[in-house]
Every structure is written in C-alpha cells, then in structure tokens.
C-alpha cells in the first residue's frame, strides 16, 4: 500500500517562499509520475506540477516561473519549491503518485499566503 505524507505548509506573506516535501512509502515510486495538486475552498482540485520518471515536468500556467518540482528517487521523496507566492496560491496542497492509472494521495498540507 502506497502512503504519501506531506510537510512544509504554513503561513507566509505574499512574495515569500515555501518548500513542500512529500515522503512516499510502501513501494519504490521512481518509475511513476509524482506531483502536486491543490484545492482552494469551494474550488476543484487542480494540478500544480508533475514530474515523470524521465525528468519531464508539467506546470500549471499560474505557477510557471515561480514553482519548481524535484524528486529524490533514492529517498522516495518529491518536493515543491514555491517562490513569489501570491494570495491566490492559498490552498491545501496534496502530493500525488499515479501507479498504473491508480491515484494515491497524501492527507494534504495547508498553504496560506497573506496579502
């Protein structure tokens, strides 16, 4: 069973930075895409960034140039570096791993950006 645990959320002023971490356990996820989604109150969950096993990345247009995603396959970790944060980035951020079309999710970590 795959388990994902996020950490690193918090409260930050606009323009600040946060780094989210996701620790995976249960299986080696190095060959599977891993990424981050977010969900703001009253909104649908949306993709923030994903990294495939070959290093390819996809970012939401709203975070391009501000967020970066990285992973440490040896540690089964994925990270989201968030810079130049905006109030509209406020949401619960979820770590995701997709194994053979099955999605696994962490419990989420709250990110709040004050103006």
Protein backbone atom coordinates (compact mmCIF):
# COMPACT_ATOMS: atom_id res chain seq x y z
CA UNK A 1 0.00 0.00 0.00
CA UNK A 2 1.38 3.37 -1.01
CA UNK A 3 1.43 6.07 1.62
CA UNK A 4 2.25 9.71 0.99
CA UNK A 5 2.94 12.22 3.75
CA UNK A 6 3.28 15.92 3.03
CA UNK A 7 5.03 18.51 5.13
CA UNK A 8 6.21 22.09 4.85
CA UNK A 9 2.99 24.04 4.58
CA UNK A 10 2.28 27.15 6.61
CA UNK A 11 1.51 30.84 6.60
CA UNK A 12 3.63 33.18 4.52
CA UNK A 13 3.38 36.76 3.30
CA UNK A 14 2.90 37.50 -0.37
CA UNK A 15 6.23 37.34 -2.15
CA UNK A 16 7.58 34.76 0.23
CA UNK A 17 8.65 31.18 -0.32
CA UNK A 18 7.81 27.73 0.98
CA UNK A 19 9.12 24.29 0.24
CA UNK A 20 6.76 21.35 0.42
CA UNK A 21 8.04 17.82 0.88
CA UNK A 22 6.32 14.51 0.26
CA UNK A 23 7.63 11.28 1.71
CA UNK A 24 6.45 8.13 -0.01
CA UNK A 25 6.46 4.62 1.41
CA UNK A 26 5.12 1.23 0.50
CA UNK A 27 6.83 0.82 -2.81
CA UNK A 28 9.56 2.34 -4.95
CA UNK A 29 7.93 5.14 -6.91
CA UNK A 30 10.91 6.04 -9.07
CA UNK A 31 9.29 4.83 -12.29
CA UNK A 32 5.94 6.54 -11.71
CA UNK A 33 4.88 10.13 -12.14
CA UNK A 34 4.61 12.10 -8.94
CA UNK A 35 3.30 15.56 -8.44
CA UNK A 36 1.36 18.15 -6.53
CA UNK A 37 -2.23 19.25 -6.71
CA UNK A 38 -4.05 21.92 -4.75
CA UNK A 39 -7.58 22.67 -3.73
CA UNK A 40 -8.84 26.04 -2.59
CA UNK A 41 -12.12 26.40 -0.66
CA UNK A 42 -15.07 25.98 -3.00
CA UNK A 43 -12.83 25.04 -5.90
CA UNK A 44 -11.96 21.80 -7.64
CA UNK A 45 -8.63 20.13 -7.07
CA UNK A 46 -6.18 21.23 -9.74
CA UNK A 47 -2.80 20.16 -10.98
CA UNK A 48 0.10 22.29 -9.82
CA UNK A 49 3.09 20.33 -11.10
CA UNK A 50 4.06 16.80 -12.05
CA UNK A 51 7.38 15.15 -12.71
CA UNK A 52 7.71 11.95 -14.74
CA UNK A 53 10.34 9.32 -14.19
CA UNK A 54 12.43 10.63 -17.07
CA UNK A 55 12.53 14.11 -15.59
CA UNK A 56 9.87 15.69 -17.74
CA UNK A 57 7.75 18.25 -15.92
CA UNK A 58 4.39 19.87 -16.39
CA UNK A 59 3.30 23.00 -14.55
CA UNK A 60 0.02 24.84 -14.29
CA UNK A 61 0.22 28.12 -16.18
CA UNK A 62 -0.49 30.01 -12.96
CA UNK A 63 2.72 28.78 -11.30
CA UNK A 64 5.16 28.66 -14.21
CA UNK A 65 8.33 30.54 -13.42
CA UNK A 66 7.56 30.59 -9.69
CA UNK A 67 7.35 26.93 -8.66
CA UNK A 68 9.76 24.11 -9.27
CA UNK A 69 9.33 20.40 -8.69
CA UNK A 70 12.06 17.93 -7.91
CA UNK A 71 12.34 14.39 -6.68
CA UNK A 72 14.89 12.23 -4.93
CA UNK A 73 14.21 8.71 -6.11
CA UNK A 74 16.72 7.19 -3.72
CA UNK A 75 14.75 8.63 -0.81
CA UNK A 76 11.30 8.24 -2.40
CA UNK A 77 10.72 11.97 -1.95
CA UNK A 78 9.20 14.70 -4.10
CA UNK A 79 9.47 18.41 -3.41
CA UNK A 80 7.71 21.57 -4.47
CA UNK A 81 9.64 24.82 -4.16
CA UNK A 82 7.25 27.73 -4.22
CA UNK A 83 8.63 31.23 -4.72
CA UNK A 84 6.98 34.62 -5.19
CA UNK A 85 3.85 33.31 -3.53
CA UNK A 86 0.57 35.09 -4.12
CA UNK A 87 -2.64 35.12 -2.07
CA UNK A 88 -4.28 33.11 -4.85
CA UNK A 89 -1.86 30.28 -4.13
CA UNK A 90 -3.68 29.71 -0.83
CA UNK A 91 -4.98 26.14 -0.81
CA UNK A 92 -4.49 22.68 0.59
CA UNK A 93 -1.65 21.07 -1.34
CA UNK A 94 -1.75 17.34 -1.98
CA UNK A 95 1.03 15.02 -3.02
CA UNK A 96 0.05 12.56 -5.74
CA UNK A 97 1.52 9.39 -7.16
CA UNK A 98 -0.02 7.59 -10.12
CA UNK A 99 0.66 3.87 -10.33
CA UNK A 100 -0.80 2.10 -13.32
CA UNK A 101 -3.65 4.65 -13.59
CA UNK A 102 -4.41 4.43 -9.84
CA UNK A 103 -4.01 7.69 -7.94
CA UNK A 104 -2.64 7.79 -4.43
CA UNK A 105 -2.94 10.91 -2.30
CA UNK A 106 -1.45 12.34 0.83
CA UNK A 107 -3.53 13.95 3.52
CA UNK A 108 -2.69 17.45 2.35
CA UNK A 109 -0.86 20.41 3.82
CA UNK A 110 -2.29 23.89 4.15
CA UNK A 111 -0.56 26.80 2.46
CA UNK A 112 -1.85 30.26 3.31
CA UNK A 113 -0.47 33.37 1.65
CA UNK A 114 -1.41 36.67 3.24
CA UNK A 115 -1.54 39.91 1.28
